[in-house]
């Protein structure tokens, strides 16, 4: 039965390209009178089961200058071709990016049958080989596609098709010569030489046939005629093969005489491996390990070594297996067998694979048992006691492999599969992963040359990134560039940068990333195909189990089963407790049919899951109550919030980008707001800025005023932390205006604006902000906010010289935060209380406060708060004259502040180090450090601190003058 998508048919279909194009359905010829339809069908058949691009079809139809309407016209041709075939009972033509493909089953295409017969002849005895090759040649009915009027097609395919036939004919004649049929061949060979006088193999075969028929003089005359023809036509002497036959005839070399072969002779040591890969990169260590494992005896009687290499499509499993197989030749002296367990139409039946293996061992097709059990028994019998390696490529599952396993410990089996085959008894599995960036660059260098890659380092890195370390993708990219030596690497990078064109750009000849991934996708059932499509709708590289369940809209246990099946199919990777999708798999998943609504709903579910988890974690942060929120945000969870945010930080940023780009405005800014507290305490300021700027644009575009205000408030606080005070003030004033009527949110903005004024010496403006905020907090019954406002007013009293008022306010704030069990508030007060005691001359009290504050900040992972405590503690140590300790603490602080971009912190630490140098009598170093601190304060726009540094430098100048 033929099963084609869209139609189920019990008819048999045959396509013939080895001669005039023919389609036979249920033994009845199907007419294709339209020349353009024949061109389309022939082009598709020559790439059966692989997509053919629209551009290639257009070139076959119209040459190098297709009309402007080529795409639409081609669609019409394909439609009419499909109607013709469907009317006859089959529907094999499919639309597949970047064009179309035709689905062809085993035995349906004469070209496939021809290749299979030629392959069977490869390791068969002479008689069987001659029969197979004669059967293959009988499939030819004349020049290939002789009635298909496409010069482009004939130029591209005609020559290699003709070469296939000539090669098979040479091999059939060789087999007949081995069988002693030299007399019967004389007439045929004479005709072939007359038709192709410059074809050396036919001349050499004719000389050998003549010599064996007792006509050595005629054989030498044939050589002389060949030499005269070659010199006259080509200006060269005959090749080595002809000269070798001539020498043998002249001296009567017995090696040229015919000796009959034993009728049942079996090829005892088959070497059926494909050629080795010459430029395998990044696999040396694993190849050494697996070679040693397969070469060693299994240690268990009756059990061979079975090794599985698992990995995603295109990761290089087959290349590694073949490479290892070649390295193992000295260890497997009785031969190395090879079989591919899947073709373009799907998995092969074990009986078919067993037949191929047995033919490699010399078993004639007429001697093959019909059943899988019979063939499996015969294979074990032929391999018993022999050192033979079996390389089984692209296995689908355990059931396909079990009948192929030998029955003793002398042999070994190396299997590649997209599945891990964990149910295969006694097998060991290794997972082959993608190449890292360095290995990927080396692969490009191996193909393109070190100089060409080094000439464009940025483009080379981009190329590696777009290929995701997938060896197949990298080889295709390198092959395309190698074929275009005048093109820069950036030419291909520009194509791959567009996600919608990326898989189109990763095609070279019969190497296609899309086709490789399609095989794995088609092997999935409908539900798992849906799961891959939905997961591919996200821009994230990683998924937690919770997120996967949300995207798939399935209960957690069911979602886990689905994604684990995708892991087993090597379309997802399990990394720790998360699932990761390769970038090219995501691109392929997005190409598969899915409605916009289905995709939008999946993204919406994912973003809602992200937001719920982020707000749950945020509620556990030490500074959770210090930022404005809309009512109804997520409740606290039991997770470690710092650890959760650190793991999810990069993926949250990607989610915010996707939410903003695709119009999920509320999710974008709420996620950015939920991350703010964590990003602040850990000093991830670049992430803070990037996420909130992206969400701000979305909020403005979506006219979400509260979201816009929240993002302007957050960015204002960030600018203040980075000492960009003018921009901070502008952003905070904008947030205040947008929050008109929301007194609690306005109070938060006023507090932040008051900090900006305070830091810049505008104390009256600062007091006005703090007073208004305190009134708003009181009205809204926000005790924490009221305490914080009183604390900030106390700092103002300190800077206005009212020490008693400051001490009273700071002590009251500390006591209130202790009563509220607010560790973050306590740490804040202790930090500034320590700085105040330092200013008031009580260094012991300052150290006590700062030590307690440091412990609190360190306890809840606030790196920035801890650094600020240590910076102030270093200043205390300078005043107390503890030089070595102060130098160590302040140098570490200055370096850390510089790393996170805290200009004020870096400048303050530098000022303290300057004072330390001056106390030690090193005026030159002290002046240098003061100047550097002044430059930093100037860069930050902090006028009060600039004036302070200038006064200190002036004092040093007057001192030097005296």
Foldseek 3Di string as FASTA:
>chain_A
DDDAVPADFPWAWAWEQLEATWIAINNHTQDDPDLLLLQQVVVQVVVALDDDALVVSQCQRPNPDGDPCSVVVVVVSVVVNQVSVVVSPDRFWDADPPGIHGHDDPPRYLVNQLVVLCLLLPQAALVSNLVSLVVSLVSRPDQGNPVRPGPVCCVVPRVVVVVSNVVSVLSNLVSCVLQVVLVVCQVVLVVVCVVPVQDVSSLLSNLLSCVQVVNNVVSLVSQVVSQVCCCVPPVDGDDPSSVVSNVCSVVVPCVSYHDHDDPQDWLQAFAAFDDADPQDFDCVVVLVVVLVQQLDFPPDWQAAAEEEEAAAFLQCLSNSLSNSVVVCCVSFVRYEAEDEQADSNGGDALLVRLVSRVSSRHDRPVRADDDLQRSLVVLLVSCPPGAYEYEYEADEEQVSCVSVGHGGRNYYYYYYYNFQRPVNPNYDYDYRDADDQVRLLVSLCVLLNPVLCVVCVVLSSLQCVLQLRRNLQSVQLSVVCSVVVVDHSVVLSVQSVPLLRNQVSSDDPSRGPLSRNVNLLVVDDPLLLVLLLQVLLAPFFKAALLLSCQLSVHPSVVSVVSVVVCVRSNQWPCDPRIIGGRPNSSSSSPVDDDDPVSNVSSLVSNLVSLQQVLQQLLQPALCSVLADDDPPGHHHDPDLSLVVCVVCVVVLLSSLLVCLVVLVLVSQLSSLLSCLVNCQLQLVLVSNVSSLVSSLVSCVVVVPLLSNLRSLQSVLLSLVQLLVLVSSLVSLVSSLVSCVPVLQNNLSSLQSNLVSCVLQPVLVSSLVSLVSSLVSCVVVVPVLSNLVSLLVVLVSCLVVPNPVSNVVSLVVSLVVCVVVVSLVSNLVSLQVVLLSCVVVPNLVSSVVSLVVSLVSSVVSRRPVSNLSSLLSNLLSCLVVLVLVVSVVSLVVSLVVCVVSNRLLSNLSSLLSVLSSCVVVVNPVSSLVSLVVSLVSCVVSVRVVVNVVSVVVNVVVVVVVVD
